[in-house]
Amino acid sequence: MAIFLITVMALLVTTIAQLQQTSGETAALDILSTRAFYAAESGAQLAMTQFLAGGEAVCQSVGPFTFSEAGLANCSAIISCEFFASPELEPVIQVVSEGRCGSGNEQTFRTVEVLAQ
């Protein structure tokens, strides 16, 4: 009876340890995912600021941003920008910003799209 009880307790402890490890990894990825969202959001805001200050020509030269601030350290935002103009409508700019944080298996991506007239 004692051997059975020790075996059951050992299996229970092992299962709880594995659940704890999985929970910790999930929490870390959630944090990286949130940081990637804010990197994408910040990249879109920086691109729109540059566009509004410089016009259509700036749209093609908005480069990738690498963040070094404490909250976004080791994160980057890759920007793509498109300018739409037609005679019937006011010009529209579309900025797509992809935020990336982490590396290897623990890398997360989030995308933010902004349209402005």
Protein backbone atom coordinates (compact mmCIF):
# COMPACT_ATOMS: atom_id res chain seq x y z
CA MET A 1 0.00 0.00 0.00
CA ALA A 2 2.84 2.42 0.83
CA ILE A 3 4.56 1.80 -2.54
CA PHE A 4 1.28 2.46 -4.36
CA LEU A 5 0.75 5.69 -2.43
CA ILE A 6 4.32 6.88 -3.12
CA THR A 7 3.92 6.10 -6.84
CA VAL A 8 0.62 7.99 -7.07
CA MET A 9 2.08 10.97 -5.23
CA ALA A 10 5.15 11.01 -7.50
CA LEU A 11 2.92 11.00 -10.60
CA LEU A 12 0.81 13.79 -9.13
CA VAL A 13 3.88 15.93 -8.37
CA THR A 14 5.27 15.34 -11.88
CA THR A 15 1.96 16.33 -13.48
CA ILE A 16 1.70 19.50 -11.40
CA ALA A 17 5.30 20.44 -12.27
CA GLN A 18 4.60 20.01 -15.98
CA LEU A 19 1.43 22.11 -15.74
CA GLN A 20 3.34 24.83 -13.91
CA GLN A 21 6.04 24.89 -16.61
CA THR A 22 3.47 25.05 -19.42
CA SER A 23 1.62 27.84 -17.62
CA GLY A 24 4.85 29.84 -17.26
CA GLU A 25 5.69 29.45 -20.96
CA THR A 26 2.18 30.52 -21.96
CA ALA A 27 2.39 33.62 -19.77
CA ALA A 28 5.75 34.55 -21.32
CA LEU A 29 4.33 34.22 -24.84
CA ASP A 30 1.31 36.32 -23.86
CA ILE A 31 3.62 39.08 -22.68
CA LEU A 32 5.69 38.87 -25.89
CA SER A 33 2.50 38.98 -27.95
CA THR A 34 1.35 42.12 -26.14
CA ARG A 35 4.77 43.73 -26.66
CA ALA A 36 4.61 42.82 -30.38
CA PHE A 37 1.19 44.51 -30.62
CA TYR A 38 2.54 47.69 -29.04
CA ALA A 39 5.59 47.58 -31.33
CA ALA A 40 3.27 47.34 -34.36
CA GLU A 41 1.09 50.15 -32.99
CA SER A 42 4.12 52.36 -32.34
CA GLY A 43 5.52 51.64 -35.81
CA ALA A 44 2.21 52.64 -37.41
CA GLN A 45 2.08 55.85 -35.38
CA LEU A 46 5.68 56.74 -36.30
CA ALA A 47 4.97 56.06 -39.98
CA MET A 48 1.82 58.19 -39.94
CA THR A 49 3.68 61.00 -38.17
CA GLN A 50 6.41 60.94 -40.80
CA PHE A 51 3.85 60.82 -43.61
CA LEU A 52 1.84 63.74 -42.26
CA ALA A 53 5.04 65.77 -41.87
CA GLY A 54 6.54 64.92 -45.26
CA GLY A 55 3.80 63.84 -47.64
CA GLU A 56 3.63 61.10 -50.24
CA ALA A 57 7.37 60.88 -50.89
CA VAL A 58 7.97 59.84 -47.28
CA CYS A 59 5.61 56.90 -47.71
CA GLN A 60 8.21 54.91 -49.66
CA SER A 61 11.11 55.67 -47.33
CA VAL A 62 9.57 54.71 -44.00
CA GLY A 63 11.97 52.09 -42.76
CA PRO A 64 11.89 49.40 -40.16
CA PHE A 65 12.00 50.68 -36.61
CA THR A 66 14.01 48.96 -33.88
CA PHE A 67 13.01 49.88 -30.36
CA SER A 68 15.44 50.17 -27.47
CA GLU A 69 13.09 51.55 -24.80
CA ALA A 70 12.55 49.40 -21.71
CA GLY A 71 9.06 48.17 -22.63
CA LEU A 72 9.85 47.41 -26.26
CA ALA A 73 13.50 46.35 -26.03
CA ASN A 74 14.41 43.73 -28.65
CA CYS A 75 11.25 44.51 -30.63
CA SER A 76 10.94 45.91 -34.11
CA ALA A 77 8.26 47.14 -36.49
CA ILE A 78 8.42 46.49 -40.21
CA ILE A 79 6.39 49.04 -42.15
CA SER A 80 4.79 48.86 -45.57
CA CYS A 81 3.10 51.90 -46.96
CA GLU A 82 0.82 52.48 -49.94
CA PHE A 83 -0.59 55.72 -51.25
CA PHE A 84 -3.86 55.68 -53.21
CA ALA A 85 -4.97 58.70 -55.21
CA SER A 86 -7.80 59.06 -57.69
CA PRO A 87 -9.41 62.09 -59.34
CA GLU A 88 -12.81 61.36 -57.75
CA LEU A 89 -11.67 60.71 -54.17
CA GLU A 90 -9.35 62.30 -51.67
CA PRO A 91 -5.95 60.59 -51.39
CA VAL A 92 -5.71 57.70 -48.93
CA ILE A 93 -2.65 56.24 -47.27
CA GLN A 94 -2.51 52.68 -45.99
CA VAL A 95 0.17 51.80 -43.45
CA VAL A 96 0.67 48.17 -42.42
CA SER A 97 2.97 47.70 -39.45
CA GLU A 98 4.15 44.26 -38.32
CA GLY A 99 5.52 44.18 -34.79
CA ARG A 100 8.02 41.47 -33.87
CA CYS A 101 9.34 40.57 -30.45
CA GLY A 102 11.47 37.73 -29.18
CA SER A 103 13.57 35.25 -31.12
CA GLY A 104 13.57 31.61 -32.13
CA ASN A 105 10.64 29.57 -30.85
CA GLU A 106 9.64 32.45 -28.60
CA GLN A 107 9.06 35.01 -31.34
CA THR A 108 5.68 36.68 -31.76
CA PHE A 109 4.22 38.79 -34.56
CA ARG A 110 1.30 41.21 -34.51
CA THR A 111 0.02 43.34 -37.40
CA VAL A 112 -1.71 46.72 -37.29
CA GLU A 113 -3.23 48.39 -40.37
CA VAL A 114 -4.05 52.11 -40.51
CA LEU A 115 -5.93 53.98 -43.23
CA ALA A 116 -5.96 57.76 -43.32
CA GLN A 117 -7.37 60.39 -45.64
